[in-house]
Amino acid sequence: MGKTRLRAGELVRVRCDILSPRFGWGAVSPGEVGSIVSVDGRLCRVSFEKDANWRGCLKELEHVMHEADRALEGVVDMYE
């Protein structure tokens, strides 16, 4: 899968290989999923359950597939 640019509205989490995000963890826990609120160049704001205004670097985040999309992908794979 090629790299795609993350955009506002997408579900993300801090990549598991990032031990210390550039701007810190704040109230966010590793593995927690949030939604990108805004993107400004290489930086973004993410709304997590415990921190609605978390600041981060796009390169430290990874896209998280929505549960419904993941289920649909599994069904499609069955018929390929």
Protein backbone atom coordinates (compact mmCIF):
# COMPACT_ATOMS: atom_id res chain seq x y z
CA MET A 1 0.00 0.00 0.00
CA GLY A 2 1.43 3.39 -0.99
CA LYS A 3 1.70 6.36 1.30
CA THR A 4 -1.34 8.59 1.33
CA ARG A 5 -1.62 12.03 2.85
CA LEU A 6 -3.69 12.10 6.01
CA ARG A 7 -6.59 14.56 6.02
CA ALA A 8 -9.07 16.04 8.47
CA GLY A 9 -11.77 13.60 9.50
CA GLU A 10 -9.60 10.49 9.23
CA LEU A 11 -9.11 8.10 12.13
CA VAL A 12 -5.48 7.82 13.28
CA ARG A 13 -3.23 6.64 16.09
CA VAL A 14 0.41 7.30 16.94
CA ARG A 15 2.56 4.71 15.13
CA CYS A 16 3.78 1.91 17.40
CA ASP A 17 7.44 2.67 16.57
CA ILE A 18 7.10 6.21 17.99
CA LEU A 19 8.09 6.01 21.65
CA SER A 20 8.02 9.74 22.30
CA PRO A 21 5.98 11.96 19.96
CA ARG A 22 7.56 15.33 19.16
CA PHE A 23 4.99 17.23 21.22
CA GLY A 24 4.57 14.52 23.87
CA TRP A 25 1.74 12.18 24.74
CA GLY A 26 -0.28 14.56 26.89
CA ALA A 27 -3.35 12.64 28.07
CA VAL A 28 -3.23 10.31 25.04
CA SER A 29 -2.28 6.65 25.52
CA PRO A 30 -0.36 4.55 22.98
CA GLY A 31 -2.81 2.76 20.68
CA GLU A 32 -5.63 5.23 21.32
CA VAL A 33 -7.58 6.18 18.18
CA GLY A 34 -8.59 9.75 17.40
CA SER A 35 -9.89 11.83 14.52
CA ILE A 36 -7.81 14.47 12.73
CA VAL A 37 -9.43 17.86 13.29
CA SER A 38 -7.07 20.01 11.22
CA VAL A 39 -3.88 19.81 9.19
CA ASP A 40 -1.33 22.61 8.87
CA GLY A 41 1.57 21.52 6.68
CA ARG A 42 3.30 18.64 8.48
CA LEU A 43 1.47 19.22 11.77
CA CYS A 44 -2.06 18.44 12.84
CA ARG A 45 -4.58 18.55 15.66
CA VAL A 46 -6.25 15.30 16.64
CA SER A 47 -9.30 14.79 18.81
CA PHE A 48 -8.75 11.85 21.14
CA GLU A 49 -11.18 10.79 23.86
CA LYS A 50 -8.93 12.11 26.67
CA ASP A 51 -7.43 15.05 24.73
CA ALA A 52 -9.61 16.81 22.17
CA ASN A 53 -6.85 19.18 21.03
CA TRP A 54 -3.73 16.97 20.80
CA ARG A 55 -0.93 18.39 18.64
CA GLY A 56 1.18 16.05 16.54
CA CYS A 57 3.28 15.46 13.44
CA LEU A 58 1.63 13.70 10.52
CA LYS A 59 4.69 11.48 10.01
CA GLU A 60 4.21 10.07 13.52
CA LEU A 61 0.63 8.97 12.83
CA GLU A 62 -0.94 6.08 10.96
CA HIS A 63 -4.37 5.71 9.42
CA VAL A 64 -6.80 3.45 11.29
CA MET A 65 -9.50 1.76 9.26
CA HIS A 66 -13.06 2.29 10.51
CA GLU A 67 -14.66 -0.94 11.81
CA ALA A 68 -17.32 -0.97 9.05
CA ASP A 69 -14.66 -0.56 6.34
CA ARG A 70 -12.57 -3.36 7.85
CA ALA A 71 -15.59 -5.70 7.85
CA LEU A 72 -16.40 -4.82 4.22
CA GLU A 73 -12.78 -5.43 3.21
CA GLY A 74 -12.99 -8.92 4.73
CA VAL A 75 -16.14 -9.72 2.75
CA VAL A 76 -14.57 -8.52 -0.51
CA ASP A 77 -11.44 -10.62 0.16
CA MET A 78 -13.63 -13.73 0.50
CA TYR A 79 -14.81 -13.34 -3.11
CA GLU A 80 -11.44 -12.64 -4.70
